[in-house]
Amino acid sequence: MIKLSHVDKRYAEHHALVDVSVEFPEHQTTVILGPSGAGKSTLLRSLNLLERPQKGTMQLDDLTIDFSSDLTSKTILTARRKTAMVFQSWNLFPHLTVLQNITEGPRYVLKQPVDQANQRAHALLRQVDLDDTADRYPRQLSGGQQQRISICRALAMNPSYLLFDEPTSALDPELEAQVLRVLQRLAHEQHSMIVVTHNMEFARRVADRLIFVEDGRIEFNGSSDDFFNHPTERIKEFLAAMKF
């Protein structure tokens, strides 16, 4: 489980996270929604310390992090080994093949033998119907294919949590659907996932829990059914705006 308690994050004059307390259960898909600039990505990126809040604590399984204290390299590495981030842009290494992109972390961070890392990579590629791309380079793939490779790369590190920051925002609708089908399968397999997205249909179909963030505050934290079928007036406005 990930638990944030009274987390605060400021950028100069902008208060990005305001006294945020929230839990992310294991083996569930939590979707974070909200208007642009609400603090969604800051919240997500704080979970693997790409952003450093100034106040509050995070409980990540058996690891406790006090954001008001200096963090050691060991603490940061431990937190990041428990989480894996998939970004808007896929960030694959252009000079490495698909197979090398996926096995780089397991071989050099997890110290897996080459044969073991390669076997796991091929198994993941088969799951996303891309095993025939193992020897290609990222430039030879479509955006949707590259994003699916990014998901394989994250899974290869065996993280406790998968974090997705708008994973389909750079894709056209057809390629977006390919990636969303992979995420839906991962959700059905009960991976622990936290997803920032603007795709309401994905949120409705896949989320176990929904968090609505606005002005750095959590304004809703509950089930998908309550969010979509029993919305507050503010959420009604948000959903209506997302239809256009």
Protein backbone atom coordinates (compact mmCIF):
# COMPACT_ATOMS: atom_id res chain seq x y z
CA MET A 1 0.00 0.00 0.00
CA ILE A 2 1.04 3.59 -0.63
CA LYS A 3 -0.21 6.12 1.92
CA LEU A 4 0.34 9.87 1.76
CA SER A 5 -0.29 11.96 4.86
CA HIS A 6 -0.55 15.77 4.88
CA VAL A 7 1.62 16.20 1.79
CA ASP A 8 2.36 19.75 0.61
CA LYS A 9 4.19 20.86 -2.54
CA ARG A 10 4.86 24.43 -3.68
CA TYR A 11 6.50 25.84 -6.80
CA ALA A 12 7.33 29.50 -6.13
CA GLU A 13 3.85 31.09 -5.97
CA HIS A 14 1.95 27.96 -7.08
CA HIS A 15 0.61 25.63 -4.38
CA ALA A 16 0.55 22.34 -6.34
CA LEU A 17 -0.47 19.97 -3.52
CA VAL A 18 -2.37 21.20 -0.47
CA ASP A 19 -2.37 18.98 2.63
CA VAL A 20 -3.00 15.83 0.60
CA SER A 21 -3.79 12.62 2.48
CA VAL A 22 -4.74 9.57 0.42
CA GLU A 23 -4.15 5.82 0.16
CA PHE A 24 -3.52 3.72 -2.95
CA PRO A 25 -4.46 0.08 -2.25
CA GLU A 26 -2.56 -2.84 -3.71
CA HIS A 27 -3.94 -4.89 -6.61
CA GLN A 28 -6.30 -2.13 -7.65
CA THR A 29 -6.36 0.46 -10.43
CA THR A 30 -6.65 4.00 -9.13
CA VAL A 31 -7.34 6.68 -11.74
CA ILE A 32 -6.53 10.32 -11.02
CA LEU A 33 -8.71 12.86 -12.81
CA GLY A 34 -9.02 16.62 -12.77
CA PRO A 35 -8.66 19.77 -14.88
CA SER A 36 -5.34 20.87 -16.35
CA GLY A 37 -2.98 22.28 -13.74
CA ALA A 38 -4.90 20.67 -10.88
CA GLY A 39 -1.87 18.83 -9.47
CA LYS A 40 -2.51 15.35 -10.90
CA SER A 41 0.96 14.78 -12.36
CA THR A 42 2.65 16.36 -9.35
CA LEU A 43 0.80 13.91 -7.12
CA LEU A 44 1.75 10.96 -9.28
CA ARG A 45 5.40 11.99 -9.68
CA SER A 46 5.73 12.45 -5.93
CA LEU A 47 5.09 8.73 -5.48
CA ASN A 48 8.44 7.79 -7.00
CA LEU A 49 10.20 10.97 -5.90
CA LEU A 50 10.50 12.62 -9.29
CA GLU A 51 8.89 15.49 -7.40
CA ARG A 52 9.81 16.23 -3.79
CA PRO A 53 7.06 17.68 -1.61
CA GLN A 54 8.24 19.97 1.17
CA LYS A 55 5.98 18.52 3.86
CA GLY A 56 4.20 15.31 4.76
CA THR A 57 5.01 11.62 4.79
CA MET A 58 4.69 8.66 2.45
CA GLN A 59 4.32 5.06 3.54
CA LEU A 60 5.38 2.72 0.71
CA ASP A 61 4.99 -0.85 1.92
CA ASP A 62 7.55 -1.07 4.76
CA LEU A 63 9.35 2.15 3.79
CA THR A 64 8.46 5.46 5.49
CA ILE A 65 9.57 8.73 3.91
CA ASP A 66 9.43 12.10 5.66
CA PHE A 67 9.44 14.75 2.93
CA SER A 68 10.57 17.45 5.36
CA SER A 69 13.87 15.61 5.88
CA ASP A 70 16.80 15.10 3.52
CA LEU A 71 16.44 11.84 1.62
CA THR A 72 19.38 9.50 1.26
CA SER A 73 20.31 7.91 -2.06
CA LYS A 74 19.43 4.53 -0.54
CA THR A 75 15.91 5.71 0.34
CA ILE A 76 15.35 7.15 -3.13
CA LEU A 77 16.59 3.98 -4.83
CA THR A 78 14.42 1.78 -2.60
CA ALA A 79 11.33 3.85 -3.40
CA ARG A 80 12.00 3.81 -7.13
CA ARG A 81 12.54 0.07 -7.17
CA LYS A 82 9.03 -0.34 -5.78
CA THR A 83 7.50 1.84 -8.51
CA ALA A 84 7.86 2.14 -12.27
CA MET A 85 6.77 5.19 -14.25
CA VAL A 86 5.43 5.24 -17.81
CA PHE A 87 5.42 8.77 -19.21
CA GLN A 88 3.46 10.66 -21.88
CA SER A 89 6.44 10.35 -24.22
CA TRP A 90 7.84 6.84 -24.21
CA ASN A 91 11.48 7.83 -23.52
CA LEU A 92 13.03 4.71 -25.05
CA PHE A 93 16.78 4.69 -25.62
CA PRO A 94 17.08 5.34 -29.39
CA HIS A 95 20.46 3.60 -29.72
CA LEU A 96 19.23 0.34 -28.17
CA THR A 97 17.01 -2.33 -29.70
CA VAL A 98 13.61 -3.07 -28.22
CA LEU A 99 15.03 -6.11 -26.42
CA GLN A 100 17.93 -4.09 -25.03
CA ASN A 101 15.59 -1.33 -23.85
CA ILE A 102 13.58 -3.85 -21.84
CA THR A 103 16.55 -5.80 -20.42
CA GLU A 104 18.78 -2.84 -19.51
CA GLY A 105 17.18 -2.28 -16.08
CA PRO A 106 16.82 -5.94 -15.06
CA ARG A 107 20.43 -6.69 -16.04
CA TYR A 108 22.18 -3.70 -14.48
CA VAL A 109 19.85 -2.73 -11.62
CA LEU A 110 18.31 -6.06 -10.62
CA LYS A 111 21.47 -7.97 -11.61
CA GLN A 112 19.54 -10.59 -13.57
CA PRO A 113 21.54 -12.96 -15.80
CA VAL A 114 21.30 -12.14 -19.51
CA ASP A 115 19.34 -15.29 -20.38
CA GLN A 116 16.81 -14.66 -17.61
CA ALA A 117 16.33 -11.00 -18.60
CA ASN A 118 15.94 -11.91 -22.27
CA GLN A 119 13.43 -14.67 -21.51
CA ARG A 120 11.32 -12.32 -19.41
CA ALA A 121 11.49 -9.59 -22.09
CA HIS A 122 10.28 -11.92 -24.82
CA ALA A 123 7.43 -13.13 -22.59
CA LEU A 124 6.33 -9.51 -22.01
CA LEU A 125 6.59 -8.69 -25.72
CA ARG A 126 4.38 -11.64 -26.55
CA GLN A 127 1.77 -10.34 -24.12
CA VAL A 128 1.53 -7.07 -26.08
CA ASP A 129 1.81 -8.78 -29.51
CA LEU A 130 5.20 -7.24 -30.28
CA ASP A 131 7.68 -10.11 -29.97
CA ASP A 132 8.56 -9.67 -33.65
CA THR A 133 9.96 -6.20 -32.86
CA ALA A 134 12.65 -7.40 -30.42
CA ASP A 135 15.55 -6.61 -32.78
CA ARG A 136 14.17 -3.33 -34.10
CA TYR A 137 15.04 0.17 -32.91
CA PRO A 138 12.49 2.63 -31.50
CA ARG A 139 12.59 4.80 -34.65
CA GLN A 140 11.24 1.84 -36.61
CA LEU A 141 8.08 1.62 -34.48
CA SER A 142 4.85 3.59 -34.28
CA GLY A 143 4.04 5.69 -31.23
CA GLY A 144 1.57 3.10 -29.98
CA GLN A 145 4.16 0.34 -30.34
CA GLN A 146 6.77 2.40 -28.51
CA GLN A 147 4.38 3.07 -25.65
CA ARG A 148 3.61 -0.65 -25.34
CA ILE A 149 7.39 -1.29 -25.24
CA SER A 150 7.62 1.30 -22.44
CA ILE A 151 5.02 -0.67 -20.50
CA CYS A 152 7.02 -3.87 -21.03
CA ARG A 153 10.13 -2.09 -19.80
CA ALA A 154 8.30 -1.01 -16.64
CA LEU A 155 6.91 -4.50 -16.01
CA ALA A 156 10.35 -6.06 -16.46
CA MET A 157 11.49 -4.34 -13.26
CA ASN A 158 8.83 -6.23 -11.25
CA PRO A 159 7.61 -3.09 -9.42
CA SER A 160 5.04 -3.11 -6.66
CA TYR A 161 3.23 -0.24 -8.40
CA LEU A 162 2.92 0.86 -12.02
CA LEU A 163 2.52 4.63 -12.46
CA PHE A 164 1.15 6.06 -15.72
CA ASP A 165 1.25 9.78 -16.49
CA GLU A 166 -1.14 10.45 -19.39
CA PRO A 167 0.22 7.39 -21.25
CA THR A 168 -1.91 7.93 -24.38
CA SER A 169 -2.00 11.72 -24.68
CA ALA A 170 0.52 11.80 -27.55
CA LEU A 171 -1.29 9.13 -29.61
CA ASP A 172 -4.03 9.24 -32.21
CA PRO A 173 -7.28 7.39 -31.32
CA GLU A 174 -6.37 4.10 -33.02
CA LEU A 175 -2.97 3.87 -31.33
CA GLU A 176 -4.49 5.04 -28.05
CA ALA A 177 -6.91 2.11 -28.18
CA GLN A 178 -3.99 -0.34 -28.56
CA VAL A 179 -2.33 0.98 -25.40
CA LEU A 180 -5.56 1.17 -23.43
CA ARG A 181 -6.28 -2.50 -24.19
CA VAL A 182 -2.92 -3.38 -22.61
CA LEU A 183 -3.74 -1.29 -19.53
CA GLN A 184 -7.15 -2.91 -19.28
CA ARG A 185 -5.59 -6.37 -19.35
CA LEU A 186 -3.12 -5.36 -16.62
CA ALA A 187 -6.01 -4.06 -14.52
CA HIS A 188 -7.90 -7.35 -14.94
CA GLU A 189 -4.74 -9.17 -13.81
CA GLN A 190 -4.90 -7.03 -10.64
CA HIS A 191 -1.63 -5.23 -11.05
CA SER A 192 -1.33 -2.28 -8.68
CA MET A 193 -1.72 0.71 -11.00
CA ILE A 194 -2.11 4.46 -10.58
CA VAL A 195 -3.09 6.25 -13.80
CA VAL A 196 -3.41 9.94 -14.62
CA THR A 197 -5.63 10.26 -17.69
CA HIS A 198 -8.21 12.41 -19.46
CA ASN A 199 -9.88 9.35 -21.00
CA MET A 200 -13.23 9.12 -19.23
CA GLU A 201 -14.29 5.87 -20.89
CA PHE A 202 -11.10 4.15 -19.71
CA ALA A 203 -11.66 5.50 -16.20
CA ARG A 204 -15.26 4.29 -16.19
CA ARG A 205 -14.39 0.79 -17.42
CA VAL A 206 -11.18 0.05 -15.56
CA ALA A 207 -10.85 2.10 -12.35
CA ASP A 208 -11.49 0.45 -9.01
CA ARG A 209 -11.16 3.88 -7.42
CA LEU A 210 -11.22 7.43 -8.72
CA ILE A 211 -9.51 10.47 -7.27
CA PHE A 212 -10.56 13.92 -8.47
CA VAL A 213 -7.97 16.64 -7.91
CA GLU A 214 -8.54 20.37 -8.22
CA ASP A 215 -6.35 23.28 -7.09
CA GLY A 216 -3.99 20.83 -5.40
CA ARG A 217 -6.72 19.32 -3.23
CA ILE A 218 -8.48 15.97 -3.40
CA GLU A 219 -12.13 16.78 -3.93
CA PHE A 220 -13.33 13.20 -4.52
CA ASN A 221 -11.97 9.83 -3.47
CA GLY A 222 -14.28 6.91 -4.08
CA SER A 223 -15.69 4.33 -6.44
CA SER A 224 -16.11 4.69 -10.19
CA ASP A 225 -19.84 4.14 -9.76
CA ASP A 226 -20.20 7.05 -7.33
CA PHE A 227 -18.09 9.34 -9.50
CA PHE A 228 -20.00 8.75 -12.72
CA ASN A 229 -23.49 7.91 -11.47
CA HIS A 230 -23.75 10.07 -8.33
CA PRO A 231 -21.53 13.06 -9.10
CA THR A 232 -21.33 16.31 -7.17
CA GLU A 233 -22.23 19.51 -9.03
CA ARG A 234 -18.54 20.25 -9.65
CA ILE A 235 -17.93 16.79 -11.07
CA LYS A 236 -21.03 17.15 -13.27
CA GLU A 237 -19.47 20.32 -14.71
CA PHE A 238 -16.16 18.55 -15.26
CA LEU A 239 -17.75 15.57 -17.01
CA ALA A 240 -19.86 17.83 -19.21
CA ALA A 241 -16.77 19.80 -20.25
CA MET A 242 -14.88 16.59 -21.09
CA LYS A 243 -17.52 15.63 -23.68
CA PHE A 244 -16.55 18.49 -26.00
